[in-house]
C-alpha cells in the first residue's frame, strides 16, 4: 500500500506570499520597464521590490470573508435604524447638516480614492504593492457605497442631500475636496501614495473619522456610527500601508529622501487646508459636542506627529514646512470657516445658524485665548441683526486661493486681525494664495495649477449657467441662475436653519412621536 501523502498546510506568511507575489510573473516579449513605466518617471529609485512588506498579510480570499461578515452586521443595523424611524432619535435637526456636509464633500472622496488606488495598483512593478493598492481600492469603493446607503435614509426626510454627486462637480466650496483628489490622482503613483496613504490616511485621517463618529454617537446617529465602525478596520490597514510606503521608499535609496520630503511638505499642507471643513463641522455643527477641533489637533496630530517624525528623522525626514503654521491655526480655522459659510449659505445646500449662548460659552472654554477676543463679537452682532429681521447674507463672491481653492478667509500667522494674502506672477497673469505654503506649492508646479477650475472665476465668466440662459434678459438674477445650475432647491436646501423646513418638520415629528409615546 502506498504511503499516504499528508499535505502540509501553509503558514500565514507562506500563504500570503503564494497569494500575492506568487501570482506575479516577469514579462518576456516586452521588457518590464515598458509594461510598468509609471514607477520610474518621478525619479524614485526602487532596487528590491521584495522588501515591500504588508504587516497584515491579508490574502484576497480572507479579505472577502471578513468584508462579507462586516456587511451583514452593517446592513442589519441600518435596516433596523430605518424601520424604527431612527432619524427621530438624533439630538437636534441642526446635526443633519453635518451629514449633508459629509455626503457632499467627504463621501465622493472615497470614490476618487477608489479610482486612484485602482490606477496605481496597475502601475507598480512590485506585486506586493499592487495587491495592497488593489485591496484599498476595493475598500474605498465599499466605503462610498455604505456611506451612501446609510445617509440615504436621511435623504427621505431632510433637504440638502438629493444631488451630492451633481453638486460635487459644481458647487463652489466642494471644489476644495475635489481639487485635492484631482491633484493627487493626476500625480505619479509614488506621489499619490505619499499624498493619500501617508499624508492623509496616516497623519490626518483620525481628525476626520474619530471625532466625526464619536460625534455621531453622542448625537444619536446610529447609522453613521455603524458605517464608521465598519470602516475602521479598513482604515487601520490604510494607515499601515501609508507608513509602510514611506519607509519602503526611504530605505530603497538615499536619493528618494528629498523627493519624499517635498511631497510630505506639499500634501500635509493640502490635507490640512482640506480639513478646514471638518474643523467647522466639529466645533459648530454638532449640537452635542465630544471635543473641540483644537483638542483633536493636539491629540491626533501634535502628539502623534511628534512621535512619527522623530521616528522618521533617522531617514533624514523632518516635519512638514507648514507644521508650525498649522499648529497655530488650530485656534482659528473653525471659527473663520463658520463665519464664511454663515455669509454664503444662500449658495450652499445646507443651513447655518448662530450658536446658542451655552454653545458660545463652550467655545469660550475650549478657545480661551481667541474666541471671546476675535470671534464672539462678530457672532453676537449677526445675532442682533437676525433678531431685527436683517439676517446677513453676503451677495458678493470671494477671492479664492489658486492652490487650495478656499476663499481668502485665513489670517496671518501671529495676527488674527489681518487676512493673509499672497500673490505671484506667471506668464503675465497674477495668481492669489491664502498662505506662503499654497504659494510655494503653486510655484513648484505652476503648469498644473494654472489649470485650476476656480468656481468664482467661472461664475463671473458666465460658465455656471444652464444652457439657454440669457443674462441680458430684463430682471436677470445671476445668483438664482447659478443656483439653478447647481440644481439647488431655493428656500429648502439653503438659507438659515431658523425657520427652515428641516427645523419645522423635525419639531413636528418629535412632537407627534412624544404624543404617541404618552398615549
Protein backbone atom coordinates (compact mmCIF):
# COMPACT_ATOMS: atom_id res chain seq x y z
CA UNK A 1 0.00 0.00 0.00
CA UNK A 2 1.31 3.41 -0.93
CA UNK A 3 2.11 5.74 1.90
CA UNK A 4 -0.48 8.47 2.19
CA UNK A 5 0.93 11.89 1.44
CA UNK A 6 -0.08 14.44 4.02
CA UNK A 7 -0.41 17.90 2.51
CA UNK A 8 1.20 20.42 4.78
CA UNK A 9 -0.96 23.45 5.50
CA UNK A 10 0.75 26.66 4.56
CA UNK A 11 1.53 29.08 7.34
CA UNK A 12 0.19 32.62 7.23
CA UNK A 13 3.40 34.07 5.79
CA UNK A 14 3.74 31.38 3.12
CA UNK A 15 0.07 31.62 2.24
CA UNK A 16 0.29 35.38 1.90
CA UNK A 17 3.35 35.03 -0.34
CA UNK A 18 1.63 32.46 -2.54
CA UNK A 19 -1.49 34.62 -2.91
CA UNK A 20 0.40 37.84 -3.74
CA UNK A 21 3.95 37.59 -5.09
CA UNK A 22 3.29 34.03 -6.20
CA UNK A 23 0.66 35.29 -8.63
CA UNK A 24 3.04 37.68 -10.40
CA UNK A 25 5.42 36.96 -13.26
CA UNK A 26 8.10 38.71 -15.26
CA UNK A 27 7.22 39.60 -18.82
CA UNK A 28 9.08 38.02 -21.74
CA UNK A 29 8.15 39.58 -25.08
CA UNK A 30 8.08 43.09 -23.62
CA UNK A 31 10.56 44.50 -21.07
CA UNK A 32 9.22 45.06 -17.55
CA UNK A 33 10.10 48.77 -17.63
CA UNK A 34 7.90 49.22 -20.69
CA UNK A 35 4.95 47.42 -19.07
CA UNK A 36 5.38 49.40 -15.82
CA UNK A 37 6.68 52.83 -16.89
CA UNK A 38 4.94 54.96 -14.27
CA UNK A 39 7.00 53.89 -11.27
CA UNK A 40 10.15 55.40 -12.81
CA UNK A 41 9.38 58.84 -14.16
CA UNK A 42 9.08 60.56 -10.75
CA UNK A 43 12.75 59.95 -10.04
CA UNK A 44 12.11 57.40 -7.28
CA UNK A 45 14.60 54.54 -7.25
CA UNK A 46 13.48 51.06 -6.18
CA UNK A 47 16.18 48.39 -6.09
CA UNK A 48 14.30 45.48 -4.48
CA UNK A 49 10.51 45.26 -4.60
CA UNK A 50 10.59 42.15 -2.40
CA UNK A 51 11.43 44.43 0.54
CA UNK A 52 7.84 45.67 0.44
CA UNK A 53 6.09 44.19 3.46
CA UNK A 54 2.40 44.09 4.33
CA UNK A 55 2.17 43.66 8.13
CA UNK A 56 -1.43 42.43 7.88
CA UNK A 57 -0.54 39.65 5.41
CA UNK A 58 -4.11 39.68 4.21
CA UNK A 59 -4.91 37.48 1.21
CA UNK A 60 -7.79 38.15 -1.14
CA UNK A 61 -9.86 35.13 -0.05
CA UNK A 62 -9.61 36.14 3.62
CA UNK A 63 -10.36 39.75 2.67
CA UNK A 64 -13.69 38.88 1.06
CA UNK A 65 -14.64 36.70 4.01
CA UNK A 66 -14.03 39.47 6.57
CA UNK A 67 -15.73 42.13 4.48
CA UNK A 68 -18.75 39.93 3.91
CA UNK A 69 -19.18 39.41 7.65
CA UNK A 70 -18.97 43.17 8.23
CA UNK A 71 -21.56 43.83 5.52
CA UNK A 72 -24.10 41.55 7.18
CA UNK A 73 -23.76 43.33 10.51
CA UNK A 74 -23.76 46.79 8.95
CA UNK A 75 -26.91 46.37 6.91
CA UNK A 76 -28.74 44.66 9.75
CA UNK A 77 -28.22 47.79 11.87
CA UNK A 78 -29.04 50.19 9.03
CA UNK A 79 -32.28 48.31 8.29
CA UNK A 80 -33.26 48.32 11.95
CA UNK A 81 -32.46 52.04 12.18
CA UNK A 82 -34.71 52.80 9.22
CA UNK A 83 -37.58 50.56 10.37
CA UNK A 84 -37.60 52.23 13.78
CA UNK A 85 -37.54 55.80 12.42
CA UNK A 86 -34.07 56.35 13.79
CA UNK A 87 -33.97 59.87 12.36
CA UNK A 88 -36.26 60.94 15.22
CA UNK A 89 -33.64 59.94 17.77
CA UNK A 90 -30.96 62.42 16.72
CA UNK A 91 -30.26 65.22 19.17
CA UNK A 92 -31.30 68.15 17.00
CA UNK A 93 -32.17 68.76 13.35
CA UNK A 94 -29.13 71.02 13.12
CA UNK A 95 -26.99 67.88 13.37
CA UNK A 96 -28.28 66.68 9.98
CA UNK A 97 -26.31 69.48 8.35
CA UNK A 98 -23.10 67.74 9.40
CA UNK A 99 -24.32 64.69 7.46
CA UNK A 100 -25.08 66.90 4.48
CA UNK A 101 -21.52 68.22 4.53
CA UNK A 102 -20.23 64.65 4.85
CA UNK A 103 -22.20 63.18 1.94
CA UNK A 104 -21.46 66.21 -0.23
CA UNK A 105 -17.76 66.68 0.48
CA UNK A 106 -16.33 63.50 2.04
CA UNK A 107 -18.10 60.51 0.51
CA UNK A 108 -17.19 61.47 -3.09
CA UNK A 109 -13.55 61.42 -1.99
CA UNK A 110 -13.92 57.74 -1.18
CA UNK A 111 -14.83 57.13 -4.81
CA UNK A 112 -11.93 59.29 -6.01
CA UNK A 113 -9.62 57.24 -3.78
CA UNK A 114 -11.06 54.03 -5.24
CA UNK A 115 -10.16 55.21 -8.74
CA UNK A 116 -6.74 56.45 -7.65
CA UNK A 117 -5.73 53.19 -5.96
CA UNK A 118 -7.07 51.13 -8.86
CA UNK A 119 -4.80 53.14 -11.16
CA UNK A 120 -1.64 52.90 -9.06
CA UNK A 121 -2.38 49.24 -8.36
CA UNK A 122 -1.75 48.64 -12.05
CA UNK A 123 1.39 50.76 -12.22
CA UNK A 124 3.80 49.28 -9.66
CA UNK A 125 6.34 46.71 -10.77
CA UNK A 126 6.23 45.05 -7.34
CA UNK A 127 3.40 42.55 -6.83
CA UNK A 128 3.10 43.23 -3.08
CA UNK A 129 2.43 46.93 -3.65
CA UNK A 130 -0.02 46.16 -6.45
CA UNK A 131 -2.08 43.82 -4.28
CA UNK A 132 -2.12 46.27 -1.35
CA UNK A 133 -3.29 49.12 -3.61
CA UNK A 134 -5.96 46.99 -5.25
CA UNK A 135 -7.38 45.91 -1.89
CA UNK A 136 -7.52 49.51 -0.75
CA UNK A 137 -9.26 50.44 -4.00
CA UNK A 138 -12.00 47.93 -3.17
CA UNK A 139 -12.17 49.26 0.40
CA UNK A 140 -12.70 52.82 -0.80
CA UNK A 141 -15.49 51.81 -3.17
CA UNK A 142 -17.17 49.91 -0.35
CA UNK A 143 -16.90 52.93 1.95
CA UNK A 144 -18.52 55.15 -0.65
CA UNK A 145 -21.38 52.68 -1.06
CA UNK A 146 -22.00 52.10 2.66
CA UNK A 147 -21.95 55.83 3.41
CA UNK A 148 -24.42 56.50 0.60
CA UNK A 149 -26.70 53.71 1.84
CA UNK A 150 -26.59 54.87 5.46
CA UNK A 151 -27.26 58.52 4.64
CA UNK A 152 -29.93 57.68 2.05
CA UNK A 153 -32.37 57.14 4.91
CA UNK A 154 -31.95 60.76 5.99
CA UNK A 155 -32.47 61.90 2.39
CA UNK A 156 -36.06 60.69 2.67
CA UNK A 157 -36.75 63.13 5.49
CA UNK A 158 -34.40 66.12 5.13
CA UNK A 159 -33.36 68.55 2.43
CA UNK A 160 -29.85 69.13 1.11
CA UNK A 161 -28.93 65.53 0.28
CA UNK A 162 -30.63 64.81 -3.01
CA UNK A 163 -27.84 65.58 -5.51
CA UNK A 164 -24.41 65.19 -3.86
CA UNK A 165 -22.61 63.91 -6.97
CA UNK A 166 -24.02 66.71 -9.11
CA UNK A 167 -23.03 69.29 -6.51
CA UNK A 168 -19.53 67.84 -6.13
CA UNK A 169 -18.79 68.85 -9.72
CA UNK A 170 -20.34 72.31 -9.48
CA UNK A 171 -20.88 73.89 -6.05
CA UNK A 172 -18.24 76.42 -5.05
CA UNK A 173 -16.99 75.03 -1.72
CA UNK A 174 -16.93 71.43 -2.97
CA UNK A 175 -14.15 72.38 -5.38
CA UNK A 176 -11.89 72.25 -2.30
CA UNK A 177 -12.08 68.46 -1.70
CA UNK A 178 -12.49 67.79 -5.43
CA UNK A 179 -9.30 69.67 -6.30
CA UNK A 180 -7.37 67.83 -3.57
CA UNK A 181 -8.03 64.42 -5.10
CA UNK A 182 -7.75 65.55 -8.69
CA UNK A 183 -4.34 66.93 -7.77
CA UNK A 184 -3.38 63.58 -6.21
CA UNK A 185 -4.88 61.40 -8.95
CA UNK A 186 -3.05 63.32 -11.65
CA UNK A 187 0.32 62.85 -9.90
CA UNK A 188 2.62 59.87 -10.27
CA UNK A 189 1.96 56.65 -8.32
CA UNK A 190 4.53 57.28 -5.58
CA UNK A 191 3.36 60.84 -5.03
CA UNK A 192 -0.23 59.56 -4.90
CA UNK A 193 0.68 57.11 -2.13
CA UNK A 194 2.52 59.84 -0.23
CA UNK A 195 -0.45 62.19 -0.63
CA UNK A 196 -3.26 59.81 0.23
CA UNK A 197 -1.81 56.84 2.10
CA UNK A 198 0.70 58.75 4.20
CA UNK A 199 -0.11 62.46 4.50
CA UNK A 200 -3.87 62.00 4.61
CA UNK A 201 -4.56 58.45 5.82
CA UNK A 202 -1.70 58.12 8.31
CA UNK A 203 -1.07 61.67 9.52
CA UNK A 204 -4.51 63.31 9.27
CA UNK A 205 -7.34 60.75 8.85
CA UNK A 206 -8.01 60.39 12.60
CA UNK A 207 -9.05 64.04 12.61
CA UNK A 208 -11.87 63.11 10.27
CA UNK A 209 -13.17 59.72 11.34
CA UNK A 210 -12.64 59.54 15.09
CA UNK A 211 -14.30 62.86 16.10
CA UNK A 212 -16.99 62.51 13.45
CA UNK A 213 -18.03 59.02 14.51
CA UNK A 214 -17.85 59.96 18.18
CA UNK A 215 -19.99 63.00 17.42
CA UNK A 216 -22.50 60.82 15.60
CA UNK A 217 -22.75 58.52 18.63
CA UNK A 218 -23.29 61.43 21.03
CA UNK A 219 -25.98 62.87 18.75
CA UNK A 220 -27.98 59.64 18.40
CA UNK A 221 -26.99 58.81 14.83
CA UNK A 222 -26.62 55.03 14.98
CA UNK A 223 -26.48 54.61 11.19
CA UNK A 224 -23.39 56.79 10.82
CA UNK A 225 -21.69 55.21 13.85
CA UNK A 226 -22.20 51.78 12.32
CA UNK A 227 -20.67 52.55 8.95
CA UNK A 228 -17.81 54.26 10.79
CA UNK A 229 -17.09 51.17 12.85
CA UNK A 230 -17.42 49.01 9.74
CA UNK A 231 -14.75 51.08 8.02
CA UNK A 232 -12.40 51.37 10.99
CA UNK A 233 -10.56 48.07 10.46
CA UNK A 234 -10.03 49.10 6.84
CA UNK A 235 -8.65 52.46 7.96
CA UNK A 236 -6.16 50.66 10.17
CA UNK A 237 -4.84 48.79 7.15
CA UNK A 238 -4.77 52.01 5.13
CA UNK A 239 -2.70 53.77 7.78
CA UNK A 240 -0.32 50.82 7.87
CA UNK A 241 0.03 50.97 4.09
CA UNK A 242 0.86 54.67 4.41
CA UNK A 243 3.74 54.24 6.84
CA UNK A 244 4.97 51.14 5.01
CA UNK A 245 5.03 53.08 1.74
CA UNK A 246 7.10 55.93 3.19
CA UNK A 247 9.61 53.68 4.95
CA UNK A 248 9.96 51.47 1.88
CA UNK A 249 10.81 54.45 -0.32
CA UNK A 250 13.24 55.91 2.19
CA UNK A 251 15.04 52.59 2.70
CA UNK A 252 15.42 51.86 -1.01
CA UNK A 253 17.76 54.72 -1.93
CA UNK A 254 19.07 57.92 -0.26
CA UNK A 255 18.16 59.87 -3.40
CA UNK A 256 14.49 59.26 -2.61
CA UNK A 257 14.66 61.29 0.62
CA UNK A 258 14.49 64.85 -0.81
CA UNK A 259 11.75 63.83 -3.26
CA UNK A 260 9.62 62.30 -0.49
CA UNK A 261 10.26 65.27 1.82
CA UNK A 262 8.95 67.64 -0.85
CA UNK A 263 5.80 65.55 -1.23
CA UNK A 264 5.27 65.45 2.54
CA UNK A 265 5.58 69.25 2.71
CA UNK A 266 3.05 69.68 -0.08
CA UNK A 267 0.47 67.11 0.94
CA UNK A 268 0.49 67.80 4.65
CA UNK A 269 -0.48 71.37 3.87
CA UNK A 270 -3.05 70.44 1.25
CA UNK A 271 -4.63 67.92 3.65
CA UNK A 272 -4.63 70.45 6.48
CA UNK A 273 -6.43 73.00 4.33
CA UNK A 274 -8.98 70.39 3.23
CA UNK A 275 -9.76 69.53 6.87
CA UNK A 276 -10.96 73.09 7.47
CA UNK A 277 -14.44 71.74 6.62
CA UNK A 278 -14.08 69.10 9.35
CA UNK A 279 -12.89 71.69 11.89
CA UNK A 280 -16.01 73.75 11.28
CA UNK A 281 -18.27 70.71 11.48
CA UNK A 282 -16.75 69.61 14.76
CA UNK A 283 -16.94 72.95 16.58
CA UNK A 284 -20.20 74.33 15.19
CA UNK A 285 -22.40 71.64 13.61
CA UNK A 286 -22.66 69.06 16.42
CA UNK A 287 -25.34 70.04 18.95
CA UNK A 288 -23.76 67.62 21.44
CA UNK A 289 -20.02 68.04 21.20
CA UNK A 290 -17.35 65.48 22.04
CA UNK A 291 -14.17 67.51 21.77
CA UNK A 292 -13.08 70.69 20.04
CA UNK A 293 -11.06 70.85 16.87
CA UNK A 294 -8.22 72.25 18.95
CA UNK A 295 -8.27 69.24 21.27
CA UNK A 296 -8.42 66.84 18.32
CA UNK A 297 -5.44 68.53 16.71
CA UNK A 298 -3.46 68.34 19.95
CA UNK A 299 -4.22 64.64 20.36
CA UNK A 300 -4.16 63.22 16.85
CA UNK A 301 -1.61 65.45 15.12
CA UNK A 302 0.74 67.20 17.52
CA UNK A 303 1.22 64.32 19.95
CA UNK A 304 1.16 61.54 17.35
CA UNK A 305 3.04 63.62 14.81
CA UNK A 306 5.89 64.38 17.16
CA UNK A 307 6.48 60.66 17.67
CA UNK A 308 6.07 59.91 13.96
CA UNK A 309 8.55 62.48 12.69
CA UNK A 310 11.01 61.69 15.46
CA UNK A 311 10.95 58.12 14.13
CA UNK A 312 11.37 59.26 10.52
CA UNK A 313 14.25 61.56 11.43
CA UNK A 314 16.65 58.60 11.18
CA UNK A 315 15.91 58.55 7.45
CA UNK A 316 16.54 62.29 7.11
CA UNK A 317 12.87 63.31 7.14
CA UNK A 318 11.81 66.41 9.11
CA UNK A 319 8.39 67.79 9.97
CA UNK A 320 6.47 69.37 7.07
CA UNK A 321 7.20 73.02 6.33
CA UNK A 322 3.69 74.08 7.29
CA UNK A 323 3.73 72.34 10.67
CA UNK A 324 4.15 75.45 12.86
CA UNK A 325 1.53 77.48 10.98
CA UNK A 326 -0.94 74.56 11.07
CA UNK A 327 -0.46 74.18 14.82
CA UNK A 328 -1.17 77.87 15.32
CA UNK A 329 -4.21 77.68 13.03
CA UNK A 330 -5.93 75.17 15.33
CA UNK A 331 -7.18 78.15 17.37
CA UNK A 332 -8.73 79.92 14.39
CA UNK A 333 -9.74 77.96 11.32
CA UNK A 334 -13.06 76.52 12.54
CA UNK A 335 -14.36 79.98 13.54
CA UNK A 336 -13.17 81.60 10.33
CA UNK A 337 -14.73 78.87 8.19
CA UNK A 338 -18.08 79.03 10.01
CA UNK A 339 -18.21 82.79 9.57
CA UNK A 340 -17.62 82.34 5.83
CA UNK A 341 -20.39 79.77 5.45
CA UNK A 342 -22.74 81.90 7.54
CA UNK A 343 -22.12 84.65 4.97
CA UNK A 344 -22.63 82.44 1.95
CA UNK A 345 -25.17 79.77 2.96
CA UNK A 346 -27.65 81.21 0.46
CA UNK A 347 -25.46 79.49 -2.15
CA UNK A 348 -24.87 76.24 -0.22
CA UNK A 349 -27.16 73.20 0.14
CA UNK A 350 -27.06 73.17 3.94
CA UNK A 351 -28.10 75.51 6.72
CA UNK A 352 -26.09 77.61 9.14
CA UNK A 353 -27.00 79.39 12.37
CA UNK A 354 -25.64 81.43 15.26
CA UNK A 355 -24.55 79.20 18.18
CA UNK A 356 -26.76 79.29 21.26
CA UNK A 357 -25.47 81.03 24.43
CA UNK A 358 -24.36 77.78 26.08
CA UNK A 359 -22.59 76.78 22.85
CA UNK A 360 -20.84 80.15 22.80
CA UNK A 361 -19.68 79.50 26.36
CA UNK A 362 -18.36 76.08 25.34
CA UNK A 363 -16.36 77.69 22.54
CA UNK A 364 -15.01 80.25 25.01
CA UNK A 365 -13.89 77.45 27.30
CA UNK A 366 -12.22 75.47 24.51
CA UNK A 367 -10.60 78.52 22.88
CA UNK A 368 -9.79 80.80 25.83
CA UNK A 369 -7.16 82.83 24.01
CA UNK A 370 -9.03 83.52 20.78
CA UNK A 371 -12.82 83.03 20.76
CA UNK A 372 -14.01 85.85 23.00
CA UNK A 373 -11.38 88.23 21.65
CA UNK A 374 -11.85 87.67 17.90
CA UNK A 375 -14.98 85.67 17.11
CA UNK A 376 -17.73 86.06 19.71
CA UNK A 377 -18.31 89.80 18.98
CA UNK A 378 -18.95 89.10 15.29
CA UNK A 379 -21.37 86.24 16.02
CA UNK A 380 -23.29 88.35 18.56
CA UNK A 381 -23.51 91.20 16.07
CA UNK A 382 -25.02 88.87 13.49
CA UNK A 383 -27.42 87.50 16.12
CA UNK A 384 -28.66 91.03 16.86
CA UNK A 385 -29.18 91.73 13.16
CA UNK A 386 -31.11 88.48 12.69
CA UNK A 387 -33.32 89.31 15.70
CA UNK A 388 -34.21 92.57 13.96
CA UNK A 389 -35.21 90.69 10.81
CA UNK A 390 -31.99 91.56 8.98
CA UNK A 391 -30.21 88.21 8.74
CA UNK A 392 -26.94 88.93 6.93
CA UNK A 393 -26.11 87.30 3.60
CA UNK A 394 -23.06 88.28 1.58
CA UNK A 395 -24.09 88.79 -2.04
CA UNK A 396 -20.62 89.26 -3.49
CA UNK A 397 -18.20 86.47 -4.38
CA UNK A 398 -14.92 85.92 -2.52
CA UNK A 399 -11.41 85.72 -3.91
CA UNK A 400 -10.14 82.12 -3.92
CA UNK A 401 -6.70 80.67 -3.32
CA UNK A 402 -5.46 79.22 -6.62
CA UNK A 403 -3.94 76.18 -4.90
CA UNK A 404 -6.39 75.01 -2.21
CA UNK A 405 -9.39 76.84 -3.76
CA UNK A 406 -10.63 78.01 -0.35
CA UNK A 407 -11.88 81.63 -0.05
CA UNK A 408 -9.31 84.00 1.41
CA UNK A 409 -10.59 83.61 4.95
CA UNK A 410 -7.42 82.71 6.83
CA UNK A 411 -5.46 85.22 8.84
CA UNK A 412 -1.76 85.99 9.08
CA UNK A 413 0.26 83.78 11.42
CA UNK A 414 0.55 85.72 14.66
CA UNK A 415 -2.11 88.31 13.73
CA UNK A 416 -5.74 87.15 13.67
CA UNK A 417 -6.91 90.66 12.68
CA UNK A 418 -5.32 90.61 9.23
CA UNK A 419 -6.34 88.43 6.29
CA UNK A 420 -3.39 86.60 4.71
CA UNK A 421 -2.85 87.40 1.03
CA UNK A 422 -0.03 86.22 -1.19
CA UNK A 423 0.40 86.62 -4.92
CA UNK A 424 2.76 85.69 -7.72
CA UNK A 425 3.04 86.40 -11.44
CA UNK A 426 3.31 83.63 -14.01
CA UNK A 427 3.47 84.22 -17.75
CA UNK A 428 1.86 87.63 -17.44
CA UNK A 429 -1.03 86.60 -15.15
CA UNK A 430 -1.38 87.22 -11.43
CA UNK A 431 -2.37 84.40 -9.05
CA UNK A 432 -3.51 84.72 -5.44
CA UNK A 433 -2.93 82.47 -2.42
CA UNK A 434 -4.03 82.14 1.20
CA UNK A 435 -0.58 81.35 2.61
CA UNK A 436 3.12 81.06 1.92
CA UNK A 437 2.70 77.30 1.62
CA UNK A 438 -0.03 77.39 -1.05
CA UNK A 439 2.08 79.95 -2.94
CA UNK A 440 5.14 77.69 -2.79
CA UNK A 441 3.14 74.65 -3.96
CA UNK A 442 1.98 76.66 -6.98
CA UNK A 443 5.47 77.93 -7.78
CA UNK A 444 6.84 74.37 -7.72
CA UNK A 445 4.28 73.19 -10.30
CA UNK A 446 2.77 76.27 -11.99
CA UNK A 447 1.68 74.49 -15.16
CA UNK A 448 -0.54 72.23 -13.06
CA UNK A 449 -2.27 74.90 -11.01
CA UNK A 450 -2.87 77.48 -13.74
CA UNK A 451 -5.47 74.95 -14.91
CA UNK A 452 -7.44 75.21 -11.65
CA UNK A 453 -11.20 75.40 -12.21
CA UNK A 454 -11.98 78.16 -9.71
CA UNK A 455 -15.77 78.41 -9.18
CA UNK A 456 -15.84 82.16 -8.54
CA UNK A 457 -13.91 82.86 -11.77
CA UNK A 458 -16.21 80.52 -13.68
CA UNK A 459 -19.31 82.21 -12.30
CA UNK A 460 -18.09 85.69 -13.25
CA UNK A 461 -17.21 84.40 -16.72
CA UNK A 462 -20.77 83.15 -17.16
CA UNK A 463 -19.82 79.47 -17.25
CA UNK A 464 -22.12 78.41 -14.40
CA UNK A 465 -25.49 78.93 -16.07
CA UNK A 466 -27.63 76.25 -17.66
CA UNK A 467 -27.65 76.10 -21.49
CA UNK A 468 -30.05 78.62 -22.96
CA UNK A 469 -29.77 81.10 -20.08
CA UNK A 470 -29.94 84.71 -21.29
CA UNK A 471 -28.01 87.05 -18.93
CA UNK A 472 -29.26 90.08 -20.88
CA UNK A 473 -32.89 89.36 -20.12
CA UNK A 474 -34.66 92.05 -18.09
CA UNK A 475 -34.71 91.21 -14.38
CA UNK A 476 -32.00 88.55 -14.75
CA UNK A 477 -30.68 87.45 -11.35
CA UNK A 478 -27.23 85.84 -11.71
CA UNK A 479 -27.33 84.25 -8.24
CA UNK A 480 -30.62 82.48 -8.93
CA UNK A 481 -29.25 81.36 -12.30
CA UNK A 482 -26.21 79.84 -10.59
CA UNK A 483 -28.41 78.08 -8.01
CA UNK A 484 -30.48 76.67 -10.85
CA UNK A 485 -27.25 75.41 -12.44
CA UNK A 486 -26.45 73.79 -9.08
CA UNK A 487 -29.96 72.21 -9.06
CA UNK A 488 -30.39 73.55 -5.55
CA UNK A 489 -33.96 73.93 -4.24
CA UNK A 490 -34.02 77.57 -3.21
CA UNK A 491 -35.73 78.08 0.14
CA UNK A 492 -35.49 74.44 1.10
CA UNK A 493 -31.84 73.40 0.71
CA UNK A 494 -30.27 76.75 1.61
CA UNK A 495 -30.55 79.81 3.90
CA UNK A 496 -30.62 79.94 7.69
CA UNK A 497 -31.65 77.00 9.84
CA UNK A 498 -34.07 79.16 11.82
CA UNK A 499 -37.41 78.93 10.04
CA UNK A 500 -36.21 76.22 7.64
CA UNK A 501 -38.36 73.32 6.51
CA UNK A 502 -35.97 70.92 8.23
CA UNK A 503 -36.42 72.70 11.55
CA UNK A 504 -40.22 72.83 11.28
CA UNK A 505 -40.60 69.22 10.15
CA UNK A 506 -38.32 67.84 12.83
CA UNK A 507 -40.16 69.77 15.56
CA UNK A 508 -43.49 68.44 14.28
CA UNK A 509 -42.23 64.86 14.05
CA UNK A 510 -40.73 64.94 17.51
CA UNK A 511 -43.97 66.38 18.88
CA UNK A 512 -46.01 63.64 17.26
CA UNK A 513 -43.57 61.00 18.49
CA UNK A 514 -43.78 62.30 22.06
CA UNK A 515 -47.57 62.44 21.96
CA UNK A 516 -47.74 58.88 20.62
CA UNK A 517 -45.45 57.65 23.38
CA UNK A 518 -47.59 59.32 26.05
CA UNK A 519 -50.76 57.73 24.70
